[in-house]
PDB file of all heavy atoms in Angstrom:
ATOM      1  N   ARG A   1     111.482  85.234  97.890  1.00  0.00           N
ATOM      2  CA  ARG A   1     111.560  86.635  97.482  1.00  0.00           C
ATOM      3  C   ARG A   1     110.232  87.348  97.707  1.00  0.00           C
ATOM      4  O   ARG A   1     110.197  88.512  98.107  1.00  0.00           O
ATOM      5  CB  ARG A   1     111.974  86.754  96.018  1.00  0.00           C
ATOM      6  CG  ARG A   1     112.229  88.203  95.622  1.00  0.00           C
ATOM      7  CD  ARG A   1     112.915  88.339  94.303  1.00  0.00           C
ATOM      8  NE  ARG A   1     113.297  89.724  94.077  1.00  0.00           N
ATOM      9  CZ  ARG A   1     113.789  90.181  92.953  1.00  0.00           C
ATOM     10  NH1 ARG A   1     113.973  89.373  91.940  1.00  0.00           N
ATOM     11  NH2 ARG A   1     114.104  91.456  92.826  1.00  0.00           N
ATOM     12  N   SER A   2     109.123  86.655  97.476  1.00  0.00           N
ATOM     13  CA  SER A   2     107.814  87.256  97.709  1.00  0.00           C
ATOM     14  C   SER A   2     107.650  87.650  99.166  1.00  0.00           C
ATOM     15  O   SER A   2     107.192  88.761  99.480  1.00  0.00           O
ATOM     16  CB  SER A   2     106.717  86.276  97.296  1.00  0.00           C
ATOM     17  OG  SER A   2     105.440  86.782  97.633  1.00  0.00           O
ATOM     18  N   ILE A   3     108.042  86.767 100.066  1.00  0.00           N
ATOM     19  CA  ILE A   3     107.897  87.049 101.499  1.00  0.00           C
ATOM     20  C   ILE A   3     108.892  88.102 101.954  1.00  0.00           C
ATOM     21  O   ILE A   3     108.555  89.005 102.734  1.00  0.00           O
ATOM     22  CB  ILE A   3     108.070  85.744 102.301  1.00  0.00           C
ATOM     23  CG1 ILE A   3     106.946  84.776 101.942  1.00  0.00           C
ATOM     24  CG2 ILE A   3     108.089  86.024 103.793  1.00  0.00           C
ATOM     25  CD1 ILE A   3     107.103  83.407 102.553  1.00  0.00           C
ATOM     26  N   ILE A   4     110.129  88.012 101.467  1.00  0.00           N
ATOM     27  CA  ILE A   4     111.148  88.994 101.861  1.00  0.00           C
ATOM     28  C   ILE A   4     110.777  90.380 101.362  1.00  0.00           C
ATOM     29  O   ILE A   4     110.969  91.381 102.068  1.00  0.00           O
ATOM     30  CB  ILE A   4     112.533  88.583 101.314  1.00  0.00           C
ATOM     31  CG1 ILE A   4     112.983  87.253 101.937  1.00  0.00           C
ATOM     32  CG2 ILE A   4     113.554  89.676 101.580  1.00  0.00           C
ATOM     33  CD1 ILE A   4     113.159  87.297 103.436  1.00  0.00           C
ATOM     34  N   GLU A   5     110.229  90.476 100.159  1.00  0.00           N
ATOM     35  CA  GLU A   5     109.803  91.776  99.635  1.00  0.00           C
ATOM     36  C   GLU A   5     108.708  92.379 100.513  1.00  0.00           C
ATOM     37  O   GLU A   5     108.716  93.574 100.814  1.00  0.00           O
ATOM     38  CB  GLU A   5     109.293  91.615  98.199  1.00  0.00           C
ATOM     39  CG  GLU A   5     110.362  91.341  97.166  1.00  0.00           C
ATOM     40  CD  GLU A   5     111.300  92.514  96.971  1.00  0.00           C
ATOM     41  OE1 GLU A   5     110.901  93.658  97.280  1.00  0.00           O
ATOM     42  OE2 GLU A   5     112.432  92.287  96.521  1.00  0.00           O
ATOM     43  N   ARG A   6     107.757  91.523 100.907  1.00  0.00           N
ATOM     44  CA  ARG A   6     106.680  92.009 101.766  1.00  0.00           C
ATOM     45  C   ARG A   6     107.229  92.493 103.100  1.00  0.00           C
ATOM     46  O   ARG A   6     106.831  93.543 103.619  1.00  0.00           O
ATOM     47  CB  ARG A   6     105.667  90.883 101.998  1.00  0.00           C
ATOM     48  CG  ARG A   6     104.398  91.317 102.715  1.00  0.00           C
ATOM     49  CD  ARG A   6     103.521  90.125 102.997  1.00  0.00           C
ATOM     50  NE  ARG A   6     103.324  89.326 101.800  1.00  0.00           N
ATOM     51  CZ  ARG A   6     103.042  88.031 101.821  1.00  0.00           C
ATOM     52  NH1 ARG A   6     102.947  87.389 102.969  1.00  0.00           N
ATOM     53  NH2 ARG A   6     102.854  87.376 100.694  1.00  0.00           N
ATOM     54  N   ARG A   7     108.159  91.734 103.673  1.00  0.00           N
ATOM     55  CA  ARG A   7     108.754  92.126 104.948  1.00  0.00           C
ATOM     56  C   ARG A   7     109.571  93.404 104.804  1.00  0.00           C
ATOM     57  O   ARG A   7     109.549  94.268 105.689  1.00  0.00           O
ATOM     58  CB  ARG A   7     109.647  90.985 105.455  1.00  0.00           C
ATOM     59  CG  ARG A   7     110.360  91.283 106.767  1.00  0.00           C
ATOM     60  CD  ARG A   7     109.399  91.606 107.871  1.00  0.00           C
ATOM     61  NE  ARG A   7     110.075  91.847 109.129  1.00  0.00           N
ATOM     62  CZ  ARG A   7     109.522  92.454 110.164  1.00  0.00           C
ATOM     63  NH1 ARG A   7     108.275  92.900 110.094  1.00  0.00           N
ATOM     64  NH2 ARG A   7     110.200  92.639 111.269  1.00  0.00           N
ATOM     65  N   HIS A   8     110.277  93.541 103.697  1.00  0.00           N
ATOM     66  CA  HIS A   8     111.075  94.739 103.457  1.00  0.00           C
ATOM     67  C   HIS A   8     110.183  95.980 103.390  1.00  0.00           C
ATOM     68  O   HIS A   8     110.509  97.026 103.953  1.00  0.00           O
ATOM     69  CB  HIS A   8     111.868  94.578 102.155  1.00  0.00           C
ATOM     70  CG  HIS A   8     112.909  95.632 101.941  1.00  0.00           C
ATOM     71  ND1 HIS A   8     114.113  95.640 102.595  1.00  0.00           N
ATOM     72  CD2 HIS A   8     112.910  96.739 101.146  1.00  0.00           C
ATOM     73  CE1 HIS A   8     114.823  96.688 102.209  1.00  0.00           C
ATOM     74  NE2 HIS A   8     114.120  97.362 101.338  1.00  0.00           N
ATOM     75  N   GLN A   9     109.062  95.852 102.723  1.00  0.00           N
ATOM     76  CA  GLN A   9     108.117  96.970 102.641  1.00  0.00           C
ATOM     77  C   GLN A   9     107.534  97.307 104.008  1.00  0.00           C
ATOM     78  O   GLN A   9     107.345  98.487 104.344  1.00  0.00           O
ATOM     79  CB  GLN A   9     107.005  96.639 101.652  1.00  0.00           C
ATOM     80  CG  GLN A   9     107.472  96.547 100.205  1.00  0.00           C
ATOM     81  CD  GLN A   9     106.401  95.998  99.287  1.00  0.00           C
ATOM     82  OE1 GLN A   9     105.276  95.760  99.700  1.00  0.00           O
ATOM     83  NE2 GLN A   9     106.751  95.772  98.029  1.00  0.00           N
ATOM     84  N   GLN A  10     107.254  96.281 104.811  1.00  0.00           N
ATOM     85  CA  GLN A  10     106.753  96.518 106.166  1.00  0.00           C
ATOM     86  C   GLN A  10     107.782  97.276 106.996  1.00  0.00           C
ATOM     87  O   GLN A  10     107.425  98.189 107.759  1.00  0.00           O
ATOM     88  CB  GLN A  10     106.408  95.190 106.833  1.00  0.00           C
ATOM     89  CG  GLN A  10     105.215  94.483 106.229  1.00  0.00           C
ATOM     90  CD  GLN A  10     105.037  93.074 106.779  1.00  0.00           C
ATOM     91  OE1 GLN A  10     105.915  92.539 107.457  1.00  0.00           O
ATOM     92  NE2 GLN A  10     103.905  92.458 106.478  1.00  0.00           N
ATOM     93  N   LEU A  11     109.042  96.908 106.866  1.00  0.00           N
ATOM     94  CA  LEU A  11     110.097  97.583 107.620  1.00  0.00           C
ATOM     95  C   LEU A  11     110.263  99.029 107.168  1.00  0.00           C
ATOM     96  O   LEU A  11     110.526  99.921 107.991  1.00  0.00           O
ATOM     97  CB  LEU A  11     111.418  96.828 107.462  1.00  0.00           C
ATOM     98  CG  LEU A  11     111.504  95.481 108.192  1.00  0.00           C
ATOM     99  CD1 LEU A  11     112.746  94.716 107.745  1.00  0.00           C
ATOM    100  CD2 LEU A  11     111.527  95.694 109.703  1.00  0.00           C
ATOM    101  N   GLN A  12     110.118  99.271 105.872  1.00  0.00           N
ATOM    102  CA  GLN A  12     110.210 100.645 105.381  1.00  0.00           C
ATOM    103  C   GLN A  12     109.102 101.517 105.954  1.00  0.00           C
ATOM    104  O   GLN A  12     109.337 102.677 106.322  1.00  0.00           O
ATOM    105  CB  GLN A  12     110.152 100.650 103.850  1.00  0.00           C
ATOM    106  CG  GLN A  12     111.414 100.162 103.178  1.00  0.00           C
ATOM    107  CD  GLN A  12     111.320 100.189 101.669  1.00  0.00           C
ATOM    108  OE1 GLN A  12     110.287  99.845 101.091  1.00  0.00           O
ATOM    109  NE2 GLN A  12     112.390 100.598 101.015  1.00  0.00           N
ATOM    110  N   ARG A  13     107.888 100.964 106.050  1.00  0.00           N
ATOM    111  CA  ARG A  13     106.790 101.712 106.675  1.00  0.00           C
ATOM    112  C   ARG A  13     107.031 101.900 108.169  1.00  0.00           C
ATOM    113  O   ARG A  13     106.718 102.960 108.732  1.00  0.00           O
ATOM    114  CB  ARG A  13     105.464 100.995 106.443  1.00  0.00           C
ATOM    115  CG  ARG A  13     104.951 101.066 105.021  1.00  0.00           C
ATOM    116  CD  ARG A  13     103.501 100.622 104.942  1.00  0.00           C
ATOM    117  NE  ARG A  13     103.335  99.234 105.330  1.00  0.00           N
ATOM    118  CZ  ARG A  13     103.371  98.225 104.475  1.00  0.00           C
ATOM    119  NH1 ARG A  13     103.578  98.444 103.173  1.00  0.00           N
ATOM    120  NH2 ARG A  13     103.200  96.980 104.891  1.00  0.00           N
ATOM    121  N   ALA A  14     107.598 100.862 108.793  1.00  0.00           N
ATOM    122  CA  ALA A  14     107.826 100.923 110.239  1.00  0.00           C
ATOM    123  C   ALA A  14     108.831 101.999 110.626  1.00  0.00           C
ATOM    124  O   ALA A  14     108.800 102.500 111.757  1.00  0.00           O
ATOM    125  CB  ALA A  14     108.303  99.567 110.754  1.00  0.00           C
ATOM    126  N   LEU A  15     109.718 102.375 109.702  1.00  0.00           N
ATOM    127  CA  LEU A  15     110.701 103.409 109.998  1.00  0.00           C
ATOM    128  C   LEU A  15     110.042 104.699 110.471  1.00  0.00           C
ATOM    129  O   LEU A  15     110.532 105.366 111.384  1.00  0.00           O
ATOM    130  CB  LEU A  15     111.565 103.691 108.759  1.00  0.00           C
ATOM    131  CG  LEU A  15     112.767 102.783 108.511  1.00  0.00           C
ATOM    132  CD1 LEU A  15     113.453 103.175 107.212  1.00  0.00           C
ATOM    133  CD2 LEU A  15     113.753 102.852 109.676  1.00  0.00           C
ATOM    134  N   TRP A  16     108.918 105.064 109.867  1.00  0.00           N
ATOM    135  CA  TRP A  16     108.235 106.293 110.287  1.00  0.00           C
ATOM    136  C   TRP A  16     106.943 106.020 111.049  1.00  0.00           C
ATOM    137  O   TRP A  16     106.546 106.802 111.921  1.00  0.00           O
ATOM    138  CB  TRP A  16     107.915 107.163 109.063  1.00  0.00           C
ATOM    139  CG  TRP A  16     106.964 106.524 108.087  1.00  0.00           C
ATOM    140  CD1 TRP A  16     107.265 105.753 107.010  1.00  0.00           C
ATOM    141  CD2 TRP A  16     105.523 106.597 108.121  1.00  0.00           C
ATOM    142  NE1 TRP A  16     106.123 105.336 106.370  1.00  0.00           N
ATOM    143  CE2 TRP A  16     105.045 105.841 107.026  1.00  0.00           C
ATOM    144  CE3 TRP A  16     104.617 107.229 108.966  1.00  0.00           C
ATOM    145  CZ2 TRP A  16     103.679 105.708 106.758  1.00  0.00           C
ATOM    146  CZ3 TRP A  16     103.256 107.095 108.699  1.00  0.00           C
ATOM    147  CH2 TRP A  16     102.801 106.348 107.610  1.00  0.00           C
ATOM    148  N   LEU A  17     106.293 104.881 110.751  1.00  0.00           N
ATOM    149  CA  LEU A  17     105.006 104.608 111.375  1.00  0.00           C
ATOM    150  C   LEU A  17     105.142 104.252 112.855  1.00  0.00           C
ATOM    151  O   LEU A  17     104.351 104.735 113.691  1.00  0.00           O
ATOM    152  CB  LEU A  17     104.303 103.475 110.628  1.00  0.00           C
ATOM    153  CG  LEU A  17     102.880 103.125 111.115  1.00  0.00           C
ATOM    154  CD1 LEU A  17     101.972 104.336 111.005  1.00  0.00           C
ATOM    155  CD2 LEU A  17     102.324 101.963 110.294  1.00  0.00           C
ATOM    156  N   ASN A  18     106.120 103.419 113.205  1.00  0.00           N
ATOM    157  CA  ASN A  18     106.277 103.020 114.599  1.00  0.00           C
ATOM    158  C   ASN A  18     106.561 104.195 115.531  1.00  0.00           C
ATOM    159  O   ASN A  18     105.923 104.308 116.585  1.00  0.00           O
ATOM    160  CB  ASN A  18     107.381 101.970 114.727  1.00  0.00           C
ATOM    161  CG  ASN A  18     106.933 100.608 114.246  1.00  0.00           C
ATOM    162  OD1 ASN A  18     105.793 100.423 113.846  1.00  0.00           O
ATOM    163  ND2 ASN A  18     107.834  99.644 114.267  1.00  0.00           N
ATOM    164  N   PRO A  19     107.506 105.084 115.197  1.00  0.00           N
ATOM    165  CA  PRO A  19     107.714 106.233 116.082  1.00  0.00           C
ATOM    166  C   PRO A  19     106.463 107.100 116.238  1.00  0.00           C
ATOM    167  O   PRO A  19     106.169 107.579 117.341  1.00  0.00           O
ATOM    168  CB  PRO A  19     108.840 107.013 115.385  1.00  0.00           C
ATOM    169  CG  PRO A  19     109.576 105.988 114.599  1.00  0.00           C
ATOM    170  CD  PRO A  19     108.531 105.030 114.124  1.00  0.00           C
ATOM    171  N   VAL A  20     105.715 107.291 115.149  1.00  0.00           N
ATOM    172  CA  VAL A  20     104.492 108.090 115.239  1.00  0.00           C
ATOM    173  C   VAL A  20     103.466 107.398 116.120  1.00  0.00           C
ATOM    174  O   VAL A  20     102.865 108.017 117.018  1.00  0.00           O
ATOM    175  CB  VAL A  20     103.911 108.343 113.828  1.00  0.00           C
ATOM    176  CG1 VAL A  20     102.522 108.980 113.933  1.00  0.00           C
ATOM    177  CG2 VAL A  20     104.835 109.242 113.026  1.00  0.00           C
ATOM    178  N   ALA A  21     103.258 106.098 115.897  1.00  0.00           N
ATOM    179  CA  ALA A  21     102.241 105.360 116.654  1.00  0.00           C
ATOM    180  C   ALA A  21     102.602 105.292 118.141  1.00  0.00           C
ATOM    181  O   ALA A  21     101.764 105.605 119.007  1.00  0.00           O
ATOM    182  CB  ALA A  21     102.083 103.954 116.086  1.00  0.00           C
ATOM    183  N   PHE A  22     103.829 104.901 118.449  1.00  0.00           N
ATOM    184  CA  PHE A  22     104.221 104.787 119.853  1.00  0.00           C
ATOM    185  C   PHE A  22     104.301 106.159 120.526  1.00  0.00           C
ATOM    186  O   PHE A  22     104.016 106.282 121.715  1.00  0.00           O
ATOM    187  CB  PHE A  22     105.562 104.063 119.975  1.00  0.00           C
ATOM    188  CG  PHE A  22     105.474 102.590 119.697  1.00  0.00           C
ATOM    189  CD1 PHE A  22     106.300 101.988 118.763  1.00  0.00           C
ATOM    190  CD2 PHE A  22     104.551 101.798 120.364  1.00  0.00           C
ATOM    191  CE1 PHE A  22     106.216 100.634 118.494  1.00  0.00           C
ATOM    192  CE2 PHE A  22     104.456 100.432 120.106  1.00  0.00           C
ATOM    193  CZ  PHE A  22     105.293  99.854 119.176  1.00  0.00           C
ATOM    194  N   GLY A  23     104.669 107.184 119.761  1.00  0.00           N
ATOM    195  CA  GLY A  23     104.677 108.532 120.317  1.00  0.00           C
ATOM    196  C   GLY A  23     103.283 108.993 120.694  1.00  0.00           C
ATOM    197  O   GLY A  23     103.068 109.553 121.780  1.00  0.00           O
ATOM    198  N   LEU A  24     102.312 108.748 119.812  1.00  0.00           N
ATOM    199  CA  LEU A  24     100.927 109.134 120.107  1.00  0.00           C
ATOM    200  C   LEU A  24     100.377 108.341 121.289  1.00  0.00           C
ATOM    201  O   LEU A  24      99.686 108.904 122.159  1.00  0.00           O
ATOM    202  CB  LEU A  24     100.052 108.911 118.873  1.00  0.00           C
ATOM    203  CG  LEU A  24     100.284 109.869 117.702  1.00  0.00           C
ATOM    204  CD1 LEU A  24      99.425 109.475 116.504  1.00  0.00           C
ATOM    205  CD2 LEU A  24      99.976 111.310 118.115  1.00  0.00           C
ATOM    206  N   MET A  25     100.665 107.022 121.326  1.00  0.00           N
ATOM    207  CA  MET A  25     100.170 106.207 122.436  1.00  0.00           C
ATOM    208  C   MET A  25     100.801 106.642 123.762  1.00  0.00           C
ATOM    209  O   MET A  25     100.156 106.580 124.819  1.00  0.00           O
ATOM    210  CB  MET A  25     100.441 104.734 122.157  1.00  0.00           C
ATOM    211  CG  MET A  25      99.523 104.151 121.092  1.00  0.00           C
ATOM    212  SD  MET A  25      99.670 102.363 120.899  1.00  0.00           S
ATOM    213  CE  MET A  25     101.211 102.256 119.994  1.00  0.00           C
ATOM    214  N   THR A  26     102.045 107.091 123.722  1.00  0.00           N
ATOM    215  CA  THR A  26     102.679 107.604 124.939  1.00  0.00           C
ATOM    216  C   THR A  26     101.970 108.845 125.441  1.00  0.00           C
ATOM    217  O   THR A  26     101.705 108.992 126.644  1.00  0.00           O
ATOM    218  CB  THR A  26     104.159 107.920 124.666  1.00  0.00           C
ATOM    219  OG1 THR A  26     104.837 106.731 124.249  1.00  0.00           O
ATOM    220  CG2 THR A  26     104.828 108.465 125.914  1.00  0.00           C
TER     221      THR A  26
END
C-alpha cells in the first residue's frame, strides 16, 4: 500500500505535469 500510494500520487501529478513538460520541450 505504501508503494501503490506513492505511485498513485505520481500518476496524479503526471496527468498535468507530463503534458506541460513535453509541450514545453517540443
